[in-house]
Protein backbone atom coordinates (compact mmCIF):
# COMPACT_ATOMS: atom_id res chain seq x y z
CA MET A 1 -16.01 0.06 -14.90
CA ASP A 2 -15.22 -2.88 -17.13
CA ASN A 3 -14.56 -6.45 -15.99
CA LEU A 4 -10.78 -6.06 -16.22
CA GLU A 5 -10.74 -3.01 -13.91
CA LEU A 6 -13.09 -4.74 -11.49
CA GLY A 7 -10.89 -7.83 -11.53
CA LYS A 8 -7.73 -5.83 -10.91
CA THR A 9 -9.39 -4.03 -7.99
CA ILE A 10 -10.45 -7.35 -6.43
CA ALA A 11 -6.94 -8.76 -6.95
CA ASN A 12 -5.40 -5.69 -5.28
CA TYR A 13 -7.69 -5.98 -2.26
CA ARG A 14 -6.97 -9.73 -2.07
CA LYS A 15 -3.21 -9.16 -2.19
CA ASN A 16 -3.49 -6.36 0.37
CA LYS A 17 -5.07 -8.92 2.76
CA ASN A 18 -2.24 -11.37 1.88
CA TYR A 19 -4.76 -13.93 0.62
CA THR A 20 -3.98 -16.36 -2.15
CA ILE A 21 -6.72 -17.09 -4.67
CA LYS A 22 -7.14 -20.48 -2.96
CA GLN A 23 -7.58 -18.88 0.48
CA LEU A 24 -10.17 -16.43 -0.87
CA SER A 25 -11.92 -19.33 -2.55
CA GLU A 26 -12.13 -21.24 0.73
CA ILE A 27 -13.52 -18.22 2.58
CA THR A 28 -16.12 -17.36 -0.07
CA ASN A 29 -17.06 -20.82 -1.40
CA VAL A 30 -16.39 -19.42 -4.88
CA THR A 31 -14.15 -21.70 -6.91
CA SER A 32 -10.51 -20.74 -7.40
CA SER A 33 -10.98 -20.85 -11.16
CA MET A 34 -13.93 -18.46 -10.96
CA ILE A 35 -11.96 -16.00 -8.77
CA SER A 36 -9.04 -16.23 -11.20
CA GLN A 37 -11.36 -15.53 -14.15
CA ILE A 38 -12.93 -12.58 -12.32
CA GLU A 39 -9.51 -11.11 -11.51
CA ARG A 40 -8.38 -11.46 -15.13
CA GLY A 41 -11.57 -9.82 -16.41
CA LEU A 42 -12.75 -12.99 -18.15
CA SER A 43 -15.94 -13.40 -16.12
CA SER A 44 -18.78 -11.11 -15.09
CA PRO A 45 -19.58 -12.03 -11.49
CA SER A 46 -23.09 -11.77 -10.13
CA LEU A 47 -23.90 -9.13 -7.55
CA ASN A 48 -24.24 -11.88 -4.95
CA THR A 49 -20.74 -13.19 -5.76
CA LEU A 50 -19.31 -9.68 -5.49
CA ARG A 51 -21.06 -9.21 -2.14
CA VAL A 52 -19.52 -12.46 -0.82
CA ILE A 53 -16.04 -11.44 -2.07
CA ALA A 54 -16.36 -7.95 -0.57
CA ASP A 55 -17.40 -9.44 2.78
CA ALA A 56 -14.45 -11.84 2.73
CA LEU A 57 -12.05 -8.98 1.93
CA GLU A 58 -13.71 -6.85 4.64
CA VAL A 59 -14.40 -3.94 2.29
CA PRO A 60 -17.68 -2.24 1.37
CA LEU A 61 -19.19 -3.58 -1.85
CA PHE A 62 -18.94 -0.16 -3.56
CA SER A 63 -15.17 -0.12 -3.03
CA LEU A 64 -14.83 -2.90 -5.61
CA PHE A 65 -16.04 -0.36 -8.18
CA THR A 66 -13.51 2.32 -7.31
CA GLU A 67 -9.78 2.38 -7.86
CA PHE A 68 -7.81 0.56 -5.18
CA VAL A 69 -5.30 2.83 -3.44
CA PRO A 70 -2.84 1.20 -1.04
CA THR A 71 -2.90 2.82 2.40
CA LYS A 72 0.79 3.74 2.13
CA ASN A 73 -0.11 6.00 -0.83
CA LEU A 74 -2.60 7.89 1.35
CA ILE A 75 -0.07 8.84 4.01
CA THR A 76 2.18 11.90 3.87
CA ARG A 77 5.14 11.57 6.23
CA ALA A 78 6.25 14.75 7.99
CA ASN A 79 9.76 14.44 6.55
CA SER A 80 8.63 13.97 2.96
CA ARG A 81 6.08 16.75 2.41
CA LYS A 82 6.16 18.80 -0.76
CA LYS A 83 7.08 22.36 0.21
CA VAL A 84 7.19 25.82 -1.29
CA ILE A 85 9.58 28.07 0.64
CA PHE A 86 9.83 31.80 0.06
CA THR A 87 13.43 32.48 1.04
CA SER A 88 13.02 36.25 1.16
CA ASN A 89 11.02 35.99 4.40
CA ASN A 90 11.23 32.25 5.34
CA TRP A 91 7.50 31.89 4.72
CA GLU A 92 6.56 28.26 3.93
CA TYR A 93 3.69 26.17 2.51
CA SER A 94 3.73 22.39 3.08
CA LEU A 95 1.33 20.07 1.28
CA LEU A 96 -0.25 17.79 3.91
CA SER A 97 -2.19 15.78 1.31
CA PRO A 98 -0.22 13.07 -0.50
CA ASP A 99 -0.92 14.69 -3.89
CA LEU A 100 -3.41 16.85 -5.77
CA SER A 101 -5.39 14.00 -7.32
CA GLY A 102 -8.50 14.34 -5.14
CA SER A 103 -11.06 17.08 -4.82
CA ILE A 104 -9.49 18.64 -1.70
CA GLU A 105 -6.02 19.46 -0.45
CA MET A 106 -4.64 20.19 2.98
CA VAL A 107 -1.83 22.74 3.38
CA LEU A 108 0.20 23.95 6.35
CA MET A 109 1.35 27.57 6.18
CA LYS A 110 4.14 28.84 8.44
CA LEU A 111 4.39 32.61 8.77
CA PRO A 112 7.50 33.90 10.56
CA PRO A 113 7.17 37.09 12.63
CA GLY A 114 6.66 40.18 10.48
CA SER A 115 5.83 38.24 7.29
CA GLN A 116 2.81 38.14 5.01
CA SER A 117 1.45 35.67 2.48
CA ALA A 118 1.46 38.16 -0.40
CA GLU A 119 2.03 41.84 -1.13
CA LYS A 120 -1.52 42.23 -2.45
CA PRO A 121 -4.62 40.20 -1.56
CA MET A 122 -5.18 37.17 -3.79
CA ARG A 123 -8.27 35.23 -4.81
CA HIS A 124 -8.89 31.57 -5.69
CA ILE A 125 -11.51 29.82 -7.77
CA GLY A 126 -12.39 27.43 -4.94
CA GLU A 127 -13.15 27.81 -1.29
CA GLU A 128 -10.87 27.46 1.70
CA VAL A 129 -11.31 26.75 5.36
CA ALA A 130 -8.35 27.84 7.50
CA TYR A 131 -7.56 26.95 11.10
CA VAL A 132 -4.98 28.82 13.16
CA LEU A 133 -2.94 26.11 14.81
CA THR A 134 -0.50 28.40 16.60
CA GLY A 135 0.12 32.11 16.86
CA GLU A 136 -1.77 35.19 15.87
CA VAL A 137 -2.46 36.25 12.29
CA VAL A 138 -4.16 39.18 10.67
CA LEU A 139 -6.46 38.22 7.82
CA PHE A 140 -7.27 40.81 5.18
CA ILE A 141 -10.49 39.44 3.67
CA GLY A 142 -12.57 41.44 1.22
CA ASP A 143 -12.87 44.93 2.73
CA ASP A 144 -12.40 43.64 6.30
CA VAL A 145 -9.41 43.03 8.54
CA GLU A 146 -9.70 40.38 11.25
CA THR A 147 -7.19 39.11 13.81
CA LEU A 148 -7.31 35.35 14.37
CA PHE A 149 -5.79 33.52 17.34
CA ASP A 150 -4.94 29.90 18.26
CA GLY A 151 -7.96 27.74 17.56
CA ASP A 152 -9.84 30.27 15.42
CA SER A 153 -10.98 29.26 11.96
CA VAL A 154 -12.43 30.98 8.92
CA LYS A 155 -14.18 29.99 5.70
CA ILE A 156 -13.06 31.94 2.65
CA PRO A 157 -15.62 31.76 -0.18
CA PRO A 158 -14.51 31.41 -3.83
CA GLY A 159 -13.28 34.63 -5.43
CA VAL A 160 -12.90 36.63 -2.20
CA GLU A 161 -9.60 38.55 -2.05
CA HIS A 162 -7.49 37.80 1.01
CA LYS A 163 -4.00 37.73 2.44
CA TRP A 164 -2.40 36.75 5.73
CA GLU A 165 0.03 38.72 7.86
CA ASN A 166 1.90 37.85 11.04
CA LYS A 167 2.44 41.09 12.96
CA SER A 168 3.44 39.26 16.16
CA GLU A 169 6.90 38.31 17.44
CA ASN A 170 6.20 34.55 17.18
CA GLU A 171 5.81 32.19 14.24
CA ALA A 172 2.21 31.44 13.25
CA THR A 173 0.99 28.22 11.65
CA VAL A 174 -2.29 27.88 9.77
CA ILE A 175 -3.81 24.70 8.30
CA PHE A 176 -5.96 25.02 5.17
CA ALA A 177 -8.44 22.77 3.43
CA ILE A 178 -8.73 23.97 -0.16
CA THR A 179 -11.03 22.78 -2.89
CA PRO A 180 -10.24 22.29 -5.69
CA PRO A 181 -6.52 21.65 -5.09
CA THR A 182 -4.33 24.56 -6.21
CA PHE A 183 -0.94 23.97 -4.53
């Protein structure tokens, strides 16, 4: 990370706390001009100075070396999820993660009665962990067939063929953690 990126990250954390440069200066005993230079990438602060700034901003020191992401960008509101809907059987995937930029995604699958996730079993390059939130689903996994109920979960290793089917009379919902993201 270069000085400019570090400075921008510090400025973002400072603004997120609603501190002015002067207020941060008073809290840290680092001059306003030095903080301004750091934020503009014109100065290389010592580790001790960075530690004092991180403490004042109430963030771990390492977070100054990673990209700042405002909390609002980490939240996915229920009414604004990205969805894939299969109209032929009302089967639906909803992305619970805000995007696919990380190393994991969370997905909610809704299976109406009598529906299935695919005609033939599919496989993925990554692994999945699935949790049955509501209902009863039949999981075709490898050469096995398992029925999962509310509260059951399963880990699906990379490359293992699988598909889901809802043979019951009620909708089933399953939450997945998938890595890497494939939505």
